Amino acid sequence: MTARDAWHLARDFWTTSLGTLASRVLGLVRDMATAALLGLGEGGVMDALVVAFRVPNLLRRIFGEGALAASFLPVFSQQFEIEPRRGWQLLSVLLAWLAVVLSAVVIVGEAACAAIWWRGGTESAGPLVGLTAVMLPYLVFICLAAQVSAALQARFEFRVPALAPLTLNVCWLAAVWFVAPSFAPDKLAQAYWIAAAILLSGVLQLAAQMPALVRLGFRWNYDWPASRTAFWQVVRAMAPITLGLAVTQLNTLTDSLIAWGLSAAPGAGQTIPWLPGEIAYPLETGAVAAIYYGERFYQLPVGLLGIAVATVIYPRVSAHAARGDLPAVAGDLSLGLRLVMFLAVPAGVGIMLVAEPLVRVLFERGAFTADDSARASRMIATYAAGVWAYCAIPVLVRGYYAVGNRAAPARLGAAAVALNLALNLALVWPLAEVGLAVSTAVAAMVQVAALAVLFGRDSMRLAWGELAATALRTLLASGVMTAVVMAVQSWYPMAEDGARGAVAAKLVLAILAGVAAYLLTAWLAGVREIALLVRRSNRSDYRR
């Protein structure tokens, strides 16, 4: 990789990562406000809101960060290189068909919700059905917005797609802070106002990105005969790519659905009526919400690091693969994995170390109780154990796609989903909701190991020596960071009762001390990834 390429990669990484950071920080504020308003387990309202939001949000992640974007980018780039007009024609056709198909999905979903309401449903499922009906149209707008983001990234415009998700958090916060408390008499009515705000945010995210697309030259040009072949190339690639890229999201959705089905409903019996014998529910109300908060925290480094690295590397890897420069593909992919290790391993360890005081400081107010803090912090710490794997998956899978191998990630993805489901059912009774998080983390680790080994065997060798050196230095620095954070926690016992301000000050001290210890140790140990992230193009090559 030349110095110029390395500098552009670092610039695009920071653009994407900082935009994602702004969105995630605002999202954290959103979650704090929602926790104070709705709590964790009271009445099951938060559980219903989380599950209802899962379906459109999962599709957003598949289309925005996964299957459609990954299958669209190389075909779009190829068409654009032949003639820009052909690239914009493909985008026009894809947006039109996406709108039609998703609208049909929404109509079917709304009809199903109406049928459940008509038949009376059940008291416990009523809030879930109603909130789902309100939020279903969101998936049309958010998936179109995600596809526009993919087109912008394909033309190396990363700033607008990185900032667009801020719209969701702004709308959600407006509902939580101003609208719901003023106009809603109870928690369920407040949840409906939040659902309406989510729907509005999808429309705004799509509208906010269109001017940038037009500035790059896009003009609506629906020409089906001219784009049909390219369109079907994209569609045929989607199914295997979905399994390869959306495994973590599918596994977390599975966790939520199992938690919903195996949680005792408020005021209902404590045994599962649809299982033979007197088998007690393994989970309590609030398990779905606890999973949600666990996911929100592990998704922070995944978005900042894993998705950011994968987003900026994929266009470069695809370009090298198109030219047949396979050593450059392996070099780019190895560099991406080194960056992931350097950044994601300490991020996951750090979240595990400070999960409990972090939850207490951020969420423990209003309807969110001390018991809720304990449950949420356990989930956050458990999910965080797999942060490095969640970050490595999108980078590795895109390496397979760049060299034209879609089958292997799909097979391994299906195996990871099956493994997660089996572990869920095996661990949910002895470990309750924590067992669901353990299952997802273990499945991700197994998937990463298999992807890395098979890529070197089937395509080309990764730079295993460089990867091992980075891993050892990262583990050393993470160990020093752990010792420093634990020393600060021992010196300042953050888990003890105390004023929120004092706990927050101690938490900040522990985090700053840990970050400083990690970076200093990494620098002394000679971790060269620091140079790529902080230096400009005054080096001829950033590879070891």
Protein backbone atom coordinates (compact mmCIF):
# COMPACT_ATOMS: atom_id res chain seq x y z
CA MET A 1 0.00 0.00 0.00
CA THR A 2 1.47 3.34 -1.02
CA ALA A 3 1.67 6.25 1.41
CA ARG A 4 -1.03 8.10 -0.54
CA ASP A 5 -3.38 5.10 -0.38
CA ALA A 6 -2.69 4.68 3.32
CA TRP A 7 -3.41 8.34 4.02
CA HIS A 8 -6.68 8.22 2.06
CA LEU A 9 -7.68 5.06 3.92
CA ALA A 10 -6.92 6.68 7.28
CA ARG A 11 -8.82 9.84 6.29
CA ASP A 12 -11.89 7.90 5.20
CA PHE A 13 -11.70 5.72 8.31
CA TRP A 14 -11.70 8.75 10.60
CA THR A 15 -14.52 10.39 8.63
CA THR A 16 -16.69 7.29 8.93
CA SER A 17 -15.66 6.53 12.50
CA LEU A 18 -16.17 10.06 13.83
CA GLY A 19 -19.56 10.34 12.15
CA THR A 20 -20.52 7.01 13.68
CA LEU A 21 -19.18 8.16 17.05
CA ALA A 22 -21.41 11.24 16.96
CA SER A 23 -24.41 9.07 16.12
CA ARG A 24 -23.61 6.49 18.81
CA VAL A 25 -23.01 9.10 21.51
CA LEU A 26 -26.35 10.71 20.69
CA GLY A 27 -27.84 7.22 20.63
CA LEU A 28 -26.47 6.64 24.11
CA VAL A 29 -28.19 9.83 25.29
CA ARG A 30 -31.35 8.53 23.60
CA ASP A 31 -31.09 5.22 25.45
CA MET A 32 -30.53 7.01 28.76
CA ALA A 33 -33.65 9.10 28.23
CA THR A 34 -35.71 6.08 27.14
CA ALA A 35 -34.54 4.05 30.14
CA ALA A 36 -35.59 6.81 32.49
CA LEU A 37 -38.98 7.05 30.78
CA LEU A 38 -39.86 3.37 30.33
CA GLY A 39 -37.55 1.45 32.67
CA LEU A 40 -36.49 -2.14 31.96
CA GLY A 41 -39.21 -4.56 32.99
CA GLU A 42 -42.20 -2.56 34.14
CA GLY A 43 -45.27 -3.73 32.24
CA GLY A 44 -43.19 -5.21 29.42
CA VAL A 45 -43.52 -1.97 27.37
CA MET A 46 -39.79 -1.58 26.77
CA ASP A 47 -39.57 -5.24 25.72
CA ALA A 48 -42.38 -4.68 23.19
CA LEU A 49 -40.75 -1.52 21.81
CA VAL A 50 -37.39 -3.26 21.41
CA VAL A 51 -38.81 -6.30 19.59
CA ALA A 52 -41.00 -4.13 17.33
CA PHE A 53 -37.94 -2.06 16.39
CA ARG A 54 -35.84 -5.16 15.69
CA VAL A 55 -37.41 -6.10 12.35
CA PRO A 56 -36.92 -2.82 10.43
CA ASN A 57 -33.61 -2.21 12.17
CA LEU A 58 -32.33 -5.66 11.19
CA LEU A 59 -33.27 -4.97 7.57
CA ARG A 60 -31.51 -1.61 7.77
CA ARG A 61 -28.33 -3.33 8.91
CA ILE A 62 -28.59 -5.94 6.18
CA PHE A 63 -29.12 -3.35 3.45
CA GLY A 64 -27.02 -0.54 4.92
CA GLU A 65 -24.04 -2.47 6.24
CA GLY A 66 -24.47 -5.84 4.58
CA ALA A 67 -25.93 -7.81 1.75
CA LEU A 68 -27.32 -5.28 -0.70
CA ALA A 69 -24.50 -2.78 -0.23
CA ALA A 70 -21.83 -5.49 -0.54
CA SER A 71 -23.38 -7.02 -3.67
CA PHE A 72 -24.19 -3.62 -5.20
CA LEU A 73 -20.82 -1.90 -4.80
CA PRO A 74 -18.65 -3.98 -7.17
CA VAL A 75 -21.35 -4.12 -9.85
CA PHE A 76 -22.06 -0.39 -9.55
CA SER A 77 -18.34 0.40 -9.71
CA GLN A 78 -17.96 -1.77 -12.80
CA GLN A 79 -20.89 -0.09 -14.53
CA PHE A 80 -19.67 3.35 -13.51
CA GLU A 81 -16.19 2.68 -14.94
CA ILE A 82 -17.72 1.72 -18.28
CA GLU A 83 -19.90 4.84 -18.30
CA PRO A 84 -21.21 6.92 -15.35
CA ARG A 85 -24.69 6.98 -16.88
CA ARG A 86 -24.88 3.18 -16.62
CA GLY A 87 -24.04 3.31 -12.93
CA TRP A 88 -26.82 5.83 -12.24
CA GLN A 89 -29.25 3.76 -14.31
CA LEU A 90 -28.48 0.72 -12.16
CA LEU A 91 -29.04 2.75 -8.99
CA SER A 92 -32.37 4.07 -10.31
CA VAL A 93 -33.60 0.58 -11.15
CA LEU A 94 -32.46 -0.80 -7.81
CA LEU A 95 -34.14 1.96 -5.81
CA ALA A 96 -37.40 1.50 -7.73
CA TRP A 97 -37.53 -2.26 -7.22
CA LEU A 98 -36.45 -1.94 -3.60
CA ALA A 99 -39.33 0.47 -2.95
CA VAL A 100 -41.84 -1.85 -4.60
CA VAL A 101 -40.68 -5.03 -2.83
CA LEU A 102 -40.42 -3.43 0.59
CA SER A 103 -43.81 -1.75 0.21
CA ALA A 104 -45.30 -5.16 -0.51
CA VAL A 105 -43.61 -6.55 2.62
CA VAL A 106 -45.08 -3.70 4.66
CA ILE A 107 -48.58 -4.29 3.28
CA VAL A 108 -48.40 -8.00 4.15
CA GLY A 109 -47.05 -7.17 7.60
CA GLU A 110 -49.76 -4.61 8.28
CA ALA A 111 -52.40 -7.08 7.17
CA ALA A 112 -50.98 -9.68 9.57
CA CYS A 113 -51.04 -7.16 12.43
CA ALA A 114 -54.63 -6.24 11.58
CA ALA A 115 -55.62 -9.91 11.52
CA ILE A 116 -54.12 -10.46 14.97
CA TRP A 117 -55.98 -7.43 16.32
CA TRP A 118 -59.20 -8.60 14.68
CA ARG A 119 -58.93 -12.03 16.27
CA GLY A 120 -58.34 -10.43 19.65
CA GLY A 121 -54.68 -11.47 20.03
CA THR A 122 -53.43 -11.84 23.56
CA GLU A 123 -53.05 -9.25 26.25
CA SER A 124 -49.27 -9.65 26.39
CA ALA A 125 -48.78 -9.48 22.59
CA GLY A 126 -51.07 -6.49 22.04
CA PRO A 127 -48.40 -3.79 22.59
CA LEU A 128 -45.93 -5.65 20.38
CA VAL A 129 -48.45 -5.94 17.52
CA GLY A 130 -49.49 -2.31 17.76
CA LEU A 131 -45.95 -0.91 17.89
CA THR A 132 -44.89 -3.17 15.03
CA ALA A 133 -47.77 -1.86 12.89
CA VAL A 134 -46.67 1.73 13.50
CA MET A 135 -43.00 1.09 12.72
CA LEU A 136 -43.27 -1.26 9.74
CA PRO A 137 -43.31 1.54 7.09
CA TYR A 138 -40.01 2.74 8.55
CA LEU A 139 -38.24 -0.14 6.84
CA VAL A 140 -39.11 1.20 3.36
CA PHE A 141 -37.57 4.61 3.97
CA ILE A 142 -34.59 3.44 6.00
CA CYS A 143 -33.63 0.74 3.49
CA LEU A 144 -33.85 3.23 0.61
CA ALA A 145 -31.72 5.62 2.67
CA ALA A 146 -29.22 2.83 3.32
CA GLN A 147 -28.96 2.08 -0.39
CA VAL A 148 -28.34 5.74 -1.15
CA SER A 149 -25.59 5.62 1.51
CA ALA A 150 -24.02 2.63 -0.27
CA ALA A 151 -24.01 4.53 -3.57
CA LEU A 152 -22.35 7.53 -1.92
CA GLN A 153 -19.68 5.31 -0.36
CA ALA A 154 -19.06 3.63 -3.71
CA ARG A 155 -18.14 7.09 -5.03
CA PHE A 156 -15.88 7.61 -1.96
CA GLU A 157 -18.26 10.05 -0.25
CA PHE A 158 -18.27 8.96 3.39
CA ARG A 159 -19.20 12.10 5.31
CA VAL A 160 -22.92 12.32 4.49
CA PRO A 161 -23.66 8.60 5.07
CA ALA A 162 -21.82 8.77 8.39
CA LEU A 163 -23.89 11.72 9.62
CA ALA A 164 -27.33 10.69 8.30
CA PRO A 165 -28.10 8.29 11.20
CA LEU A 166 -28.06 11.26 13.59
CA THR A 167 -31.59 11.95 12.35
CA LEU A 168 -32.98 8.84 14.10
CA ASN A 169 -31.54 9.86 17.44
CA VAL A 170 -32.73 13.47 17.14
CA CYS A 171 -36.30 12.40 16.35
CA TRP A 172 -36.31 9.73 19.07
CA LEU A 173 -34.98 12.16 21.68
CA ALA A 174 -37.55 14.79 20.71
CA ALA A 175 -40.29 12.21 21.31
CA VAL A 176 -38.85 11.09 24.67
CA TRP A 177 -38.08 14.54 26.04
CA PHE A 178 -40.88 16.70 24.71
CA VAL A 179 -43.76 14.86 23.03
CA ALA A 180 -44.34 11.62 24.97
CA PRO A 181 -44.30 13.10 28.51
CA SER A 182 -46.63 15.93 27.46
CA PHE A 183 -49.21 14.09 25.38
CA ALA A 184 -49.14 10.45 26.54
CA PRO A 185 -50.95 9.38 29.73
CA ASP A 186 -49.14 6.07 30.27
CA LYS A 187 -45.99 4.18 29.25
CA LEU A 188 -47.62 2.33 26.35
CA ALA A 189 -48.90 5.58 24.84
CA GLN A 190 -45.43 7.07 25.27
CA ALA A 191 -43.97 4.09 23.39
CA TYR A 192 -46.38 4.79 20.51
CA TRP A 193 -45.09 8.36 20.26
CA ILE A 194 -41.53 7.00 20.11
CA ALA A 195 -42.56 4.60 17.33
CA ALA A 196 -44.05 7.49 15.33
CA ALA A 197 -40.83 9.47 15.76
CA ILE A 198 -38.82 6.51 14.45
CA LEU A 199 -41.01 6.39 11.35
CA LEU A 200 -40.48 10.12 10.72
CA SER A 201 -36.72 9.72 11.06
CA GLY A 202 -36.66 7.23 8.16
CA VAL A 203 -38.22 9.80 5.82
CA LEU A 204 -35.75 12.47 6.94
CA GLN A 205 -32.69 10.21 6.55
CA LEU A 206 -33.60 9.50 2.94
CA ALA A 207 -34.27 13.16 2.17
CA ALA A 208 -31.06 14.34 3.84
CA GLN A 209 -28.80 12.27 1.56
CA MET A 210 -30.37 12.97 -1.82
CA PRO A 211 -28.69 16.39 -2.36
CA ALA A 212 -25.23 14.81 -1.96
CA LEU A 213 -26.14 12.11 -4.49
CA VAL A 214 -27.33 14.72 -6.97
CA ARG A 215 -24.09 16.69 -6.51
CA LEU A 216 -22.15 13.60 -7.53
CA GLY A 217 -24.10 13.48 -10.80
CA PHE A 218 -27.09 11.26 -10.06
CA ARG A 219 -30.18 11.84 -12.19
CA TRP A 220 -33.19 9.55 -12.09
CA ASN A 221 -32.94 7.32 -15.16
CA TYR A 222 -35.02 4.16 -14.92
CA ASP A 223 -33.95 2.07 -17.90
CA TRP A 224 -34.82 -1.56 -17.23
CA PRO A 225 -33.50 -3.08 -20.49
CA ALA A 226 -30.12 -1.36 -20.08
CA SER A 227 -29.73 -2.33 -16.39
CA ARG A 228 -31.42 -5.71 -16.26
CA THR A 229 -28.25 -7.83 -16.43
CA ALA A 230 -26.43 -5.79 -13.80
CA PHE A 231 -29.53 -5.71 -11.59
CA TRP A 232 -29.79 -9.50 -11.55
CA GLN A 233 -26.08 -9.75 -10.76
CA VAL A 234 -26.75 -7.75 -7.61
CA VAL A 235 -29.86 -9.76 -6.70
CA ARG A 236 -28.22 -13.17 -7.21
CA ALA A 237 -25.38 -12.20 -4.90
CA MET A 238 -27.64 -11.03 -2.09
CA ALA A 239 -28.78 -14.33 -0.57
CA PRO A 240 -25.33 -15.77 0.19
CA ILE A 241 -24.03 -12.35 1.22
CA THR A 242 -26.89 -11.92 3.70
CA LEU A 243 -25.87 -15.06 5.58
CA GLY A 244 -22.25 -14.02 5.52
CA LEU A 245 -22.63 -10.47 6.80
CA ALA A 246 -25.76 -10.39 8.94
CA VAL A 247 -24.96 -13.30 11.25
CA THR A 248 -24.37 -11.22 14.38
CA GLN A 249 -27.58 -9.27 13.79
CA LEU A 250 -29.54 -12.47 13.12
CA ASN A 251 -28.12 -14.03 16.26
CA THR A 252 -29.06 -11.02 18.38
CA LEU A 253 -32.56 -11.08 16.88
CA THR A 254 -32.76 -14.76 17.79
CA ASP A 255 -31.66 -13.89 21.33
CA SER A 256 -34.46 -11.30 21.57
CA LEU A 257 -37.15 -13.60 20.21
CA ILE A 258 -36.16 -16.43 22.55
CA ALA A 259 -36.08 -13.96 25.45
CA TRP A 260 -39.54 -12.71 24.50
CA GLY A 261 -40.98 -16.24 24.24
CA LEU A 262 -39.34 -17.56 27.42
CA SER A 263 -40.05 -14.58 29.71
CA ALA A 264 -42.91 -14.75 32.15
CA ALA A 265 -45.50 -12.10 31.23
CA PRO A 266 -46.49 -9.60 33.95
CA GLY A 267 -49.35 -11.05 36.02
CA ALA A 268 -49.30 -14.39 34.17
CA GLY A 269 -48.35 -17.84 35.41
CA GLN A 270 -44.78 -18.89 36.05
CA THR A 271 -44.88 -22.10 33.98
CA ILE A 272 -44.70 -22.35 30.19
CA PRO A 273 -48.16 -23.40 28.94
CA TRP A 274 -47.01 -24.60 25.51
CA LEU A 275 -44.44 -27.07 26.90
CA PRO A 276 -45.39 -30.41 28.48
CA GLY A 277 -45.01 -30.68 32.22
CA GLU A 278 -44.59 -27.92 34.78
CA ILE A 279 -41.57 -26.19 33.27
CA ALA A 280 -40.93 -22.73 34.71
CA TYR A 281 -40.02 -19.74 32.56
CA PRO A 282 -36.21 -19.32 32.66
CA LEU A 283 -36.42 -15.54 32.20
CA GLU A 284 -38.16 -12.58 33.77
CA THR A 285 -39.83 -9.63 32.08
CA GLY A 286 -37.16 -7.18 30.96
CA ALA A 287 -34.85 -9.78 29.42
CA VAL A 288 -35.41 -8.38 25.92
CA ALA A 289 -34.63 -4.87 27.12
CA ALA A 290 -31.47 -6.11 28.89
CA ILE A 291 -30.36 -7.70 25.60
CA TYR A 292 -31.07 -4.42 23.84
CA TYR A 293 -28.79 -2.46 26.17
CA GLY A 294 -26.11 -5.14 25.87
CA GLU A 295 -26.31 -4.91 22.11
CA ARG A 296 -26.22 -1.11 22.12
CA PHE A 297 -22.91 -1.13 23.97
CA TYR A 298 -21.17 -3.80 21.90
CA GLN A 299 -22.47 -2.19 18.70
CA LEU A 300 -20.67 1.04 19.62
CA PRO A 301 -17.16 -0.31 18.92
CA VAL A 302 -18.50 -2.47 16.08
CA GLY A 303 -19.83 0.62 14.30
CA LEU A 304 -16.85 2.80 15.17
CA LEU A 305 -14.23 0.20 14.33
CA GLY A 306 -15.39 -2.94 12.53
CA ILE A 307 -17.92 -1.41 10.14
CA ALA A 308 -15.76 1.70 9.65
CA VAL A 309 -12.69 -0.36 8.69
CA ALA A 310 -14.76 -2.66 6.44
CA THR A 311 -16.50 0.31 4.77
CA VAL A 312 -13.30 2.11 3.79
CA ILE A 313 -11.35 -1.02 2.86
CA TYR A 314 -14.00 -2.72 0.69
CA PRO A 315 -13.84 -0.30 -2.29
CA ARG A 316 -10.05 -0.64 -2.30
CA VAL A 317 -10.10 -4.42 -1.98
CA SER A 318 -12.67 -4.64 -4.79
CA ALA A 319 -10.55 -2.44 -7.04
CA HIS A 320 -7.44 -4.56 -6.45
CA ALA A 321 -9.40 -7.76 -7.06
CA ALA A 322 -10.84 -6.37 -10.30
CA ARG A 323 -7.27 -5.74 -11.53
CA GLY A 324 -6.21 -9.24 -10.50
CA ASP A 325 -3.74 -7.95 -7.89
CA LEU A 326 -4.35 -10.69 -5.33
CA PRO A 327 -1.29 -9.93 -3.17
CA ALA A 328 -2.67 -6.39 -2.73
CA VAL A 329 -6.03 -7.87 -1.70
CA ALA A 330 -4.35 -10.00 0.95
CA GLY A 331 -2.31 -7.00 2.10
CA ASP A 332 -5.37 -4.77 2.40
CA LEU A 333 -7.30 -7.44 4.28
CA SER A 334 -4.41 -8.15 6.64
CA LEU A 335 -4.09 -4.44 7.35
CA GLY A 336 -7.81 -4.25 8.11
CA LEU A 337 -7.57 -7.14 10.55
CA ARG A 338 -4.53 -5.60 12.25
CA LEU A 339 -6.47 -2.37 12.74
CA VAL A 340 -9.43 -4.32 14.11
CA MET A 341 -7.24 -6.16 16.61
CA PHE A 342 -5.45 -3.00 17.72
CA LEU A 343 -8.70 -1.10 18.27
CA ALA A 344 -11.37 -3.69 19.09
CA VAL A 345 -9.60 -5.93 21.62
CA PRO A 346 -9.03 -3.12 24.17
CA ALA A 347 -12.50 -1.73 23.45
CA GLY A 348 -14.13 -5.03 24.40
CA VAL A 349 -11.92 -5.52 27.45
CA GLY A 350 -12.60 -1.96 28.58
CA ILE A 351 -16.37 -2.36 28.32
CA MET A 352 -16.19 -5.54 30.39
CA LEU A 353 -14.16 -3.78 33.08
CA VAL A 354 -16.43 -0.76 33.55
CA ALA A 355 -19.85 -2.17 32.58
CA GLU A 356 -21.44 -1.93 36.04
CA PRO A 357 -20.44 1.65 36.97
CA LEU A 358 -21.12 2.74 33.40
CA VAL A 359 -24.71 1.51 33.56
CA ARG A 360 -25.22 3.04 36.99
CA VAL A 361 -24.02 6.45 35.85
CA LEU A 362 -25.82 6.47 32.50
CA PHE A 363 -29.14 4.74 33.17
CA GLU A 364 -29.96 4.40 36.87
CA ARG A 365 -32.60 7.09 37.22
CA GLY A 366 -36.37 7.41 36.90
CA ALA A 367 -37.97 4.05 36.14
CA PHE A 368 -34.57 2.36 35.74
CA THR A 369 -33.75 0.74 39.11
CA ALA A 370 -30.61 -0.68 40.72
CA ASP A 371 -31.79 -4.22 39.86
CA ASP A 372 -32.16 -3.12 36.24
CA SER A 373 -28.57 -1.83 36.34
CA ALA A 374 -27.29 -5.18 37.57
CA ARG A 375 -29.12 -7.08 34.83
CA ALA A 376 -28.07 -4.73 32.04
CA SER A 377 -24.41 -4.58 33.14
CA ARG A 378 -24.15 -8.39 33.12
CA MET A 379 -25.47 -8.49 29.56
CA ILE A 380 -23.16 -5.70 28.42
CA ALA A 381 -20.06 -7.35 29.89
CA THR A 382 -20.93 -10.73 28.40
CA TYR A 383 -21.62 -9.42 24.89
CA ALA A 384 -18.45 -7.31 25.07
CA ALA A 385 -16.29 -10.44 25.28
CA GLY A 386 -16.92 -10.95 21.57
CA VAL A 387 -16.34 -7.36 20.38
CA TRP A 388 -13.13 -8.24 18.53
CA ALA A 389 -14.96 -11.01 16.66
CA TYR A 390 -17.99 -8.86 15.79
CA CYS A 391 -15.57 -6.27 14.33
CA ALA A 392 -13.51 -8.79 12.36
CA ILE A 393 -16.47 -10.51 10.66
CA PRO A 394 -17.42 -7.67 8.23
CA VAL A 395 -13.77 -7.17 7.26
CA LEU A 396 -13.11 -10.86 6.58
CA VAL A 397 -16.36 -11.47 4.74
CA ARG A 398 -15.71 -8.55 2.38
CA GLY A 399 -12.33 -10.08 1.58
CA TYR A 400 -14.12 -13.22 0.37
CA TYR A 401 -16.52 -11.19 -1.76
CA ALA A 402 -13.69 -9.21 -3.33
CA VAL A 403 -12.19 -12.42 -4.75
CA GLY A 404 -15.60 -13.71 -5.87
CA ASN A 405 -16.16 -16.28 -3.12
CA ARG A 406 -19.68 -15.88 -1.74
CA ALA A 407 -20.37 -19.51 -0.88
CA ALA A 408 -17.89 -19.95 1.99
CA PRO A 409 -19.13 -17.00 4.11
CA ALA A 410 -22.72 -18.14 3.54
CA ARG A 411 -22.00 -21.69 4.70
CA LEU A 412 -20.06 -20.48 7.72
CA GLY A 413 -22.76 -17.91 8.50
CA ALA A 414 -25.48 -20.56 8.45
CA ALA A 415 -23.36 -22.73 10.74
CA ALA A 416 -22.86 -19.80 13.14
CA VAL A 417 -26.62 -19.14 13.29
CA ALA A 418 -27.28 -22.83 14.00
CA LEU A 419 -24.56 -22.89 16.66
CA ASN A 420 -25.99 -19.79 18.34
CA LEU A 421 -29.50 -21.28 18.40
CA ALA A 422 -28.26 -24.56 19.87
CA LEU A 423 -26.24 -22.76 22.54
CA ASN A 424 -29.20 -20.48 23.31
CA LEU A 425 -31.46 -23.42 24.06
CA ALA A 426 -28.73 -25.18 26.04
CA LEU A 427 -27.67 -22.19 28.15
CA VAL A 428 -30.86 -20.18 28.71
CA TRP A 429 -32.04 -22.41 31.59
CA PRO A 430 -28.81 -22.59 33.61
CA LEU A 431 -27.58 -19.03 32.86
CA ALA A 432 -30.88 -17.20 32.12
CA GLU A 433 -30.47 -14.16 29.84
CA VAL A 434 -26.67 -14.16 30.20
CA GLY A 435 -26.63 -17.52 28.42
CA LEU A 436 -28.07 -15.85 25.32
CA ALA A 437 -25.20 -13.35 25.26
CA VAL A 438 -22.62 -16.11 25.78
CA SER A 439 -24.07 -17.96 22.79
CA THR A 440 -23.77 -14.97 20.47
CA ALA A 441 -20.18 -14.21 21.54
CA VAL A 442 -19.02 -17.81 21.16
CA ALA A 443 -20.70 -18.19 17.74
CA ALA A 444 -18.96 -15.03 16.49
CA MET A 445 -15.54 -16.22 17.69
CA VAL A 446 -15.95 -19.57 15.98
CA GLN A 447 -17.09 -17.87 12.77
CA VAL A 448 -14.06 -15.53 12.70
CA ALA A 449 -11.62 -18.38 13.26
CA ALA A 450 -13.15 -20.40 10.43
CA LEU A 451 -13.27 -17.42 8.05
CA ALA A 452 -9.60 -16.54 8.64
CA VAL A 453 -8.32 -20.08 8.25
CA LEU A 454 -10.37 -20.89 5.14
CA PHE A 455 -9.49 -17.61 3.40
CA GLY A 456 -5.79 -18.40 3.59
CA ARG A 457 -6.42 -21.93 2.36
CA ASP A 458 -8.85 -21.18 -0.49
CA SER A 459 -7.65 -17.83 -1.87
CA MET A 460 -4.31 -16.50 -0.67
CA ARG A 461 -2.33 -16.33 2.50
CA LEU A 462 -2.96 -13.55 4.94
CA ALA A 463 0.07 -11.95 6.56
CA TRP A 464 -0.05 -14.33 9.51
CA GLY A 465 3.29 -13.22 10.94
CA GLU A 466 2.20 -9.59 11.05
CA LEU A 467 -1.21 -10.55 12.45
CA ALA A 468 0.39 -12.66 15.20
CA ALA A 469 2.79 -9.85 16.11
CA THR A 470 -0.05 -7.33 16.34
CA ALA A 471 -2.16 -9.78 18.37
CA LEU A 472 0.62 -10.41 20.90
CA ARG A 473 1.41 -6.72 21.33
CA THR A 474 -2.29 -5.89 21.60
CA LEU A 475 -2.84 -8.54 24.27
CA LEU A 476 0.18 -7.27 26.20
CA ALA A 477 -1.09 -3.68 26.08
CA SER A 478 -4.63 -4.82 26.98
CA GLY A 479 -3.25 -6.72 29.98
CA VAL A 480 -1.48 -3.62 31.23
CA MET A 481 -4.66 -1.61 30.67
CA THR A 482 -6.66 -4.16 32.68
CA ALA A 483 -4.23 -3.98 35.58
CA VAL A 484 -4.35 -0.18 35.61
CA VAL A 485 -8.16 -0.02 35.46
CA MET A 486 -8.51 -2.64 38.21
CA ALA A 487 -6.01 -0.72 40.34
CA VAL A 488 -8.01 2.48 39.93
CA GLN A 489 -11.23 0.61 40.73
CA SER A 490 -9.62 -0.87 43.83
CA TRP A 491 -8.32 2.52 44.90
CA TYR A 492 -11.71 4.10 44.16
CA PRO A 493 -14.35 1.40 44.79
CA MET A 494 -16.84 2.50 42.12
CA ALA A 495 -19.36 -0.24 42.84
CA GLU A 496 -20.10 1.15 46.31
CA ASP A 497 -23.09 3.38 46.91
CA GLY A 498 -22.31 7.05 46.46
CA ALA A 499 -23.28 10.25 44.77
CA ARG A 500 -23.69 9.95 41.04
CA GLY A 501 -21.15 12.70 40.42
CA ALA A 502 -18.49 10.92 42.49
CA VAL A 503 -19.13 7.61 40.73
CA ALA A 504 -18.95 9.35 37.34
CA ALA A 505 -15.65 11.05 38.24
CA LYS A 506 -14.13 7.76 39.32
CA LEU A 507 -15.40 6.08 36.15
CA VAL A 508 -13.86 8.77 33.93
CA LEU A 509 -10.56 8.45 35.81
CA ALA A 510 -10.50 4.70 35.28
CA ILE A 511 -11.27 5.03 31.56
CA LEU A 512 -8.65 7.74 30.97
CA ALA A 513 -6.02 5.83 32.92
CA GLY A 514 -6.81 2.65 30.98
CA VAL A 515 -6.65 4.36 27.57
CA ALA A 516 -3.35 6.06 28.46
CA ALA A 517 -1.86 2.80 29.71
CA TYR A 518 -2.94 0.94 26.58
CA LEU A 519 -1.60 3.52 24.11
CA LEU A 520 1.69 3.97 25.98
CA THR A 521 2.28 0.23 26.23
CA ALA A 522 1.36 -0.27 22.56
CA TRP A 523 3.76 2.48 21.52
CA LEU A 524 6.58 1.05 23.61
CA ALA A 525 5.84 -2.43 22.23
CA GLY A 526 6.16 -1.12 18.67
CA VAL A 527 2.56 -1.46 17.45
CA ARG A 528 2.80 0.14 14.02
CA GLU A 529 -0.94 0.53 13.49
CA ILE A 530 -0.66 3.71 15.55
CA ALA A 531 1.39 5.26 12.73
CA LEU A 532 -1.28 4.54 10.15
CA LEU A 533 -3.97 6.20 12.25
CA VAL A 534 -2.10 9.34 13.30
CA ARG A 535 0.53 10.12 10.65
CA ARG A 536 0.16 11.65 7.26
CA SER A 537 1.69 10.43 4.02
CA ASN A 538 5.35 10.80 4.97
CA ARG A 539 5.94 7.06 4.91
CA SER A 540 6.42 5.10 1.74
CA ASP A 541 4.74 2.00 3.05
CA TYR A 542 2.71 1.21 6.14
CA ARG A 543 3.19 -2.52 5.90
CA ARG A 544 5.72 -4.18 8.14
